[in-house]
């Protein structure tokens, strides 16, 4: 139970910090960080598959999921940039 309290506390602190300092530059850095983490996770799962630590039934859906998330976030940030350039 204490792990959940610490985790919820960390999310609340992160939310309050982002709420205070959120602007377009922070949003861009945060988006790029999330895309980078998802791509890194794809490589970690591929590495686990190559080392035969995980089976392909577990690895390939997770690689697909994280690849889709990274693509969606990257696309949304590119569309947002384009929208703000045209205004």
C-alpha atoms as a PDB file:
ATOM      1  CA  UNK A   1       0.000   0.000   0.000  1.00  0.00           C
ATOM      2  CA  UNK A   2       2.848   2.409   0.740  1.00  0.00           C
ATOM      3  CA  UNK A   3       4.120   2.023  -2.847  1.00  0.00           C
ATOM      4  CA  UNK A   4       0.821   3.355  -4.145  1.00  0.00           C
ATOM      5  CA  UNK A   5       0.917   6.329  -1.804  1.00  0.00           C
ATOM      6  CA  UNK A   6       4.437   7.200  -2.979  1.00  0.00           C
ATOM      7  CA  UNK A   7       3.452   6.737  -6.623  1.00  0.00           C
ATOM      8  CA  UNK A   8       0.331   8.885  -6.287  1.00  0.00           C
ATOM      9  CA  UNK A   9       2.373  11.526  -4.461  1.00  0.00           C
ATOM     10  CA  UNK A  10       4.943  11.557  -7.266  1.00  0.00           C
ATOM     11  CA  UNK A  11       2.192  12.002  -9.862  1.00  0.00           C
ATOM     12  CA  UNK A  12       0.647  14.864  -7.887  1.00  0.00           C
ATOM     13  CA  UNK A  13       4.023  16.614  -7.552  1.00  0.00           C
ATOM     14  CA  UNK A  14       4.753  16.114 -11.266  1.00  0.00           C
ATOM     15  CA  UNK A  15       1.309  17.450 -12.170  1.00  0.00           C
ATOM     16  CA  UNK A  16       1.753  20.562 -10.014  1.00  0.00           C
ATOM     17  CA  UNK A  17       5.238  21.276 -11.376  1.00  0.00           C
ATOM     18  CA  UNK A  18       4.078  20.861 -14.976  1.00  0.00           C
ATOM     19  CA  UNK A  19       1.004  22.989 -14.302  1.00  0.00           C
ATOM     20  CA  UNK A  20       3.170  25.826 -12.999  1.00  0.00           C
ATOM     21  CA  UNK A  21       5.855  25.781 -15.715  1.00  0.00           C
ATOM     22  CA  UNK A  22       3.856  24.475 -18.720  1.00  0.00           C
ATOM     23  CA  UNK A  23       4.468  26.373 -21.960  1.00  0.00           C
ATOM     24  CA  UNK A  24       5.102  25.457 -25.589  1.00  0.00           C
ATOM     25  CA  UNK A  25       8.817  24.820 -25.056  1.00  0.00           C
ATOM     26  CA  UNK A  26       8.209  22.515 -22.080  1.00  0.00           C
ATOM     27  CA  UNK A  27       5.450  20.765 -24.029  1.00  0.00           C
ATOM     28  CA  UNK A  28       7.834  20.165 -26.940  1.00  0.00           C
ATOM     29  CA  UNK A  29      10.584  18.779 -24.691  1.00  0.00           C
ATOM     30  CA  UNK A  30       8.121  16.600 -22.788  1.00  0.00           C
ATOM     31  CA  UNK A  31       6.659  15.228 -26.036  1.00  0.00           C
ATOM     32  CA  UNK A  32      10.082  14.439 -27.445  1.00  0.00           C
ATOM     33  CA  UNK A  33      11.030  12.757 -24.170  1.00  0.00           C
ATOM     34  CA  UNK A  34       7.912  10.549 -24.260  1.00  0.00           C
ATOM     35  CA  UNK A  35       8.547   9.590 -27.892  1.00  0.00           C
ATOM     36  CA  UNK A  36      12.177   8.785 -27.065  1.00  0.00           C
ATOM     37  CA  UNK A  37      11.205   6.631 -24.082  1.00  0.00           C
ATOM     38  CA  UNK A  38       8.726   4.656 -26.193  1.00  0.00           C
ATOM     39  CA  UNK A  39      11.309   4.043 -28.921  1.00  0.00           C
ATOM     40  CA  UNK A  40      13.849   3.014 -26.279  1.00  0.00           C
ATOM     41  CA  UNK A  41      11.336   0.545 -24.824  1.00  0.00           C
ATOM     42  CA  UNK A  42      10.830  -0.932 -28.311  1.00  0.00           C
ATOM     43  CA  UNK A  43      14.560  -1.572 -28.534  1.00  0.00           C
ATOM     44  CA  UNK A  44      14.609  -3.087 -25.037  1.00  0.00           C
ATOM     45  CA  UNK A  45      11.846  -5.535 -25.953  1.00  0.00           C
ATOM     46  CA  UNK A  46      13.654  -6.406 -29.194  1.00  0.00           C
ATOM     47  CA  UNK A  47      16.833  -7.000 -27.209  1.00  0.00           C
ATOM     48  CA  UNK A  48      14.939  -9.231 -24.775  1.00  0.00           C
ATOM     49  CA  UNK A  49      13.582 -11.230 -27.706  1.00  0.00           C
ATOM     50  CA  UNK A  50      17.013 -11.613 -29.279  1.00  0.00           C
ATOM     51  CA  UNK A  51      18.419 -12.832 -25.946  1.00  0.00           C
ATOM     52  CA  UNK A  52      15.442 -15.194 -25.636  1.00  0.00           C
ATOM     53  CA  UNK A  53      14.458 -13.666 -22.306  1.00  0.00           C
ATOM     54  CA  UNK A  54      10.898 -13.108 -23.518  1.00  0.00           C
ATOM     55  CA  UNK A  55       8.824 -14.992 -26.054  1.00  0.00           C
ATOM     56  CA  UNK A  56       7.557 -13.464 -29.258  1.00  0.00           C
ATOM     57  CA  UNK A  57       3.945 -13.671 -28.011  1.00  0.00           C
ATOM     58  CA  UNK A  58       4.828 -11.100 -25.368  1.00  0.00           C
ATOM     59  CA  UNK A  59       7.386  -9.015 -27.247  1.00  0.00           C
ATOM     60  CA  UNK A  60       5.801  -8.228 -30.608  1.00  0.00           C
ATOM     61  CA  UNK A  61       2.473  -6.848 -29.308  1.00  0.00           C
ATOM     62  CA  UNK A  62       4.368  -4.631 -26.871  1.00  0.00           C
ATOM     63  CA  UNK A  63       6.701  -3.373 -29.603  1.00  0.00           C
ATOM     64  CA  UNK A  64       3.670  -2.657 -31.769  1.00  0.00           C
ATOM     65  CA  UNK A  65       1.899  -0.846 -28.929  1.00  0.00           C
ATOM     66  CA  UNK A  66       4.869   1.350 -28.020  1.00  0.00           C
ATOM     67  CA  UNK A  67       5.601   2.026 -31.690  1.00  0.00           C
ATOM     68  CA  UNK A  68       2.017   3.162 -32.240  1.00  0.00           C
ATOM     69  CA  UNK A  69       2.108   5.381 -29.140  1.00  0.00           C
ATOM     70  CA  UNK A  70       5.372   6.999 -30.264  1.00  0.00           C
ATOM     71  CA  UNK A  71       3.991   7.556 -33.775  1.00  0.00           C
ATOM     72  CA  UNK A  72       0.747   9.078 -32.503  1.00  0.00           C
ATOM     73  CA  UNK A  73       2.484  11.430 -30.076  1.00  0.00           C
ATOM     74  CA  UNK A  74       5.035  12.499 -32.694  1.00  0.00           C
ATOM     75  CA  UNK A  75       2.273  13.092 -35.256  1.00  0.00           C
ATOM     76  CA  UNK A  76       0.176  15.118 -32.817  1.00  0.00           C
ATOM     77  CA  UNK A  77       3.128  17.330 -31.935  1.00  0.00           C
ATOM     78  CA  UNK A  78       3.970  17.885 -35.603  1.00  0.00           C
ATOM     79  CA  UNK A  79       0.356  18.817 -36.360  1.00  0.00           C
ATOM     80  CA  UNK A  80       0.340  21.161 -33.363  1.00  0.00           C
ATOM     81  CA  UNK A  81       3.520  22.870 -34.586  1.00  0.00           C
ATOM     82  CA  UNK A  82       2.049  23.272 -38.060  1.00  0.00           C
ATOM     83  CA  UNK A  83      -1.165  24.739 -36.609  1.00  0.00           C
ATOM     84  CA  UNK A  84       0.721  27.344 -34.596  1.00  0.00           C
ATOM     85  CA  UNK A  85       2.906  28.317 -37.572  1.00  0.00           C
ATOM     86  CA  UNK A  86      -0.152  29.017 -39.734  1.00  0.00           C
ATOM     87  CA  UNK A  87      -1.821  31.312 -37.211  1.00  0.00           C
END
